[in-house]
Amino acid sequence: MVTASMPFLRSISATHVVLECEEGVEGPISYERELVVRKEPFEGCVSMMEVVARALRVLERDERVGAEVEEALVRVLRVMVGFQREHLKPGMKARVKMKKKKERRIEEGDD
């Protein structure tokens, strides 16, 4: 069945869409460091909500409306991060650094 469907599946395969950008070039981060609680694994990463906000801004035909949509979504994210910050226990790390299990065991003294 799959073999018979291959010509059709190839015809509807994913189309790669590339926005104008230079791969491998890091630009300035447009969001404040106040969003420290929601830090992503690596410097320069952004949350899915920030990605959606930026995409909607770019895709909106009216630049003013796009900017308003992006700001509204980022405002909601700030509120969520503020809520997280308020309920973070004293002395608790915001996010454990992502490491391999073996590296964490060595740091913790487990052999």
Protein backbone atom coordinates (compact mmCIF):
# COMPACT_ATOMS: atom_id res chain seq x y z
CA MET A 1 0.00 0.00 0.00
CA VAL A 2 2.77 2.43 0.91
CA THR A 3 4.66 1.62 -2.29
CA ALA A 4 1.59 2.43 -4.38
CA SER A 5 1.15 5.71 -2.49
CA MET A 6 4.75 6.92 -2.88
CA PRO A 7 4.18 9.10 -5.97
CA PHE A 8 1.33 10.85 -4.18
CA LEU A 9 3.28 11.18 -0.92
CA ARG A 10 6.25 12.69 -2.77
CA SER A 11 3.97 15.24 -4.43
CA ILE A 12 2.70 16.51 -1.06
CA SER A 13 6.02 16.36 0.79
CA ALA A 14 7.02 19.23 3.01
CA THR A 15 8.04 22.44 1.31
CA HIS A 16 10.92 24.26 2.93
CA VAL A 17 10.16 27.89 3.63
CA VAL A 18 13.13 30.12 4.35
CA LEU A 19 12.74 33.63 5.65
CA GLU A 20 15.50 36.05 4.74
CA CYS A 21 18.29 35.41 7.22
CA GLU A 22 21.90 34.35 7.40
CA GLU A 23 22.37 30.95 8.99
CA GLY A 24 24.95 30.82 11.73
CA VAL A 25 24.87 34.56 12.36
CA GLU A 26 23.68 35.50 15.83
CA GLY A 27 21.96 38.81 16.09
CA PRO A 28 21.01 40.76 19.19
CA ILE A 29 18.40 39.20 21.46
CA SER A 30 15.28 41.34 21.35
CA TYR A 31 13.81 40.26 24.69
CA GLU A 32 14.96 41.45 28.09
CA ARG A 33 16.93 39.33 30.46
CA GLU A 34 14.04 39.69 32.95
CA LEU A 35 12.73 36.46 31.46
CA VAL A 36 15.52 34.63 33.28
CA VAL A 37 13.21 32.01 34.83
CA ARG A 38 12.21 30.64 31.44
CA LYS A 39 15.78 30.37 30.12
CA GLU A 40 16.26 27.94 27.31
CA PRO A 41 19.09 25.39 27.20
CA PHE A 42 21.55 27.52 25.23
CA GLU A 43 22.33 31.23 24.94
CA GLY A 44 20.28 32.85 22.20
CA CYS A 45 17.43 30.32 22.29
CA VAL A 46 13.91 31.62 22.68
CA SER A 47 10.72 30.00 23.90
CA MET A 48 8.08 28.66 21.53
CA MET A 49 5.83 31.56 22.52
CA GLU A 50 8.48 34.06 21.44
CA VAL A 51 8.91 32.21 18.14
CA VAL A 52 5.17 32.31 17.48
CA ALA A 53 5.01 36.00 18.41
CA ARG A 54 7.84 36.86 16.01
CA ALA A 55 6.38 34.70 13.22
CA LEU A 56 2.97 36.33 13.53
CA ARG A 57 4.60 39.75 13.38
CA VAL A 58 6.47 38.84 10.20
CA LEU A 59 3.48 37.15 8.56
CA GLU A 60 0.97 39.92 9.33
CA ARG A 61 0.48 42.17 6.30
CA ASP A 62 -0.13 45.29 8.38
CA GLU A 63 3.13 46.01 10.24
CA ARG A 64 1.33 47.92 13.00
CA VAL A 65 -1.04 45.03 13.70
CA GLY A 66 1.87 42.56 13.60
CA ALA A 67 3.77 44.57 16.19
CA GLU A 68 0.67 44.72 18.42
CA VAL A 69 0.18 40.95 18.20
CA GLU A 70 3.82 40.29 19.05
CA GLU A 71 3.73 42.68 22.01
CA ALA A 72 0.50 41.13 23.34
CA LEU A 73 2.00 37.62 23.29
CA VAL A 74 5.27 38.74 24.88
CA ARG A 75 3.28 40.62 27.55
CA VAL A 76 1.48 37.36 28.43
CA LEU A 77 4.84 35.57 28.61
CA ARG A 78 6.16 38.23 31.00
CA VAL A 79 3.14 37.71 33.27
CA MET A 80 3.70 33.95 33.25
CA VAL A 81 7.40 34.38 34.08
CA GLY A 82 6.50 36.83 36.86
CA PHE A 83 4.14 34.23 38.32
CA GLN A 84 6.92 31.63 38.17
CA ARG A 85 9.36 34.01 39.85
CA GLU A 86 6.92 34.74 42.69
CA HIS A 87 6.45 31.05 43.41
CA LEU A 88 10.08 29.99 43.08
CA LYS A 89 11.31 28.61 46.40
CA PRO A 90 14.26 30.48 47.97
CA GLY A 91 17.58 28.90 47.06
CA MET A 92 16.04 26.84 44.28
CA LYS A 93 17.81 27.01 40.95
CA ALA A 94 15.64 28.28 38.10
CA ARG A 95 16.68 25.45 35.79
CA VAL A 96 19.21 22.67 36.03
CA LYS A 97 21.89 23.04 33.42
CA MET A 98 21.35 20.42 30.76
CA LYS A 99 24.14 17.89 30.95
CA LYS A 100 24.58 14.25 30.17
CA LYS A 101 23.71 11.86 33.01
CA LYS A 102 27.32 10.73 33.32
CA GLU A 103 28.54 14.33 33.79
CA ARG A 104 25.87 15.00 36.46
CA ARG A 105 26.81 11.80 38.36
CA ILE A 106 30.48 12.77 38.36
CA GLU A 107 29.64 16.25 39.73
CA GLU A 108 27.38 14.77 42.40
CA GLY A 109 30.10 12.32 43.44
CA ASP A 110 28.28 9.17 42.33
CA ASP A 111 30.62 6.79 40.56
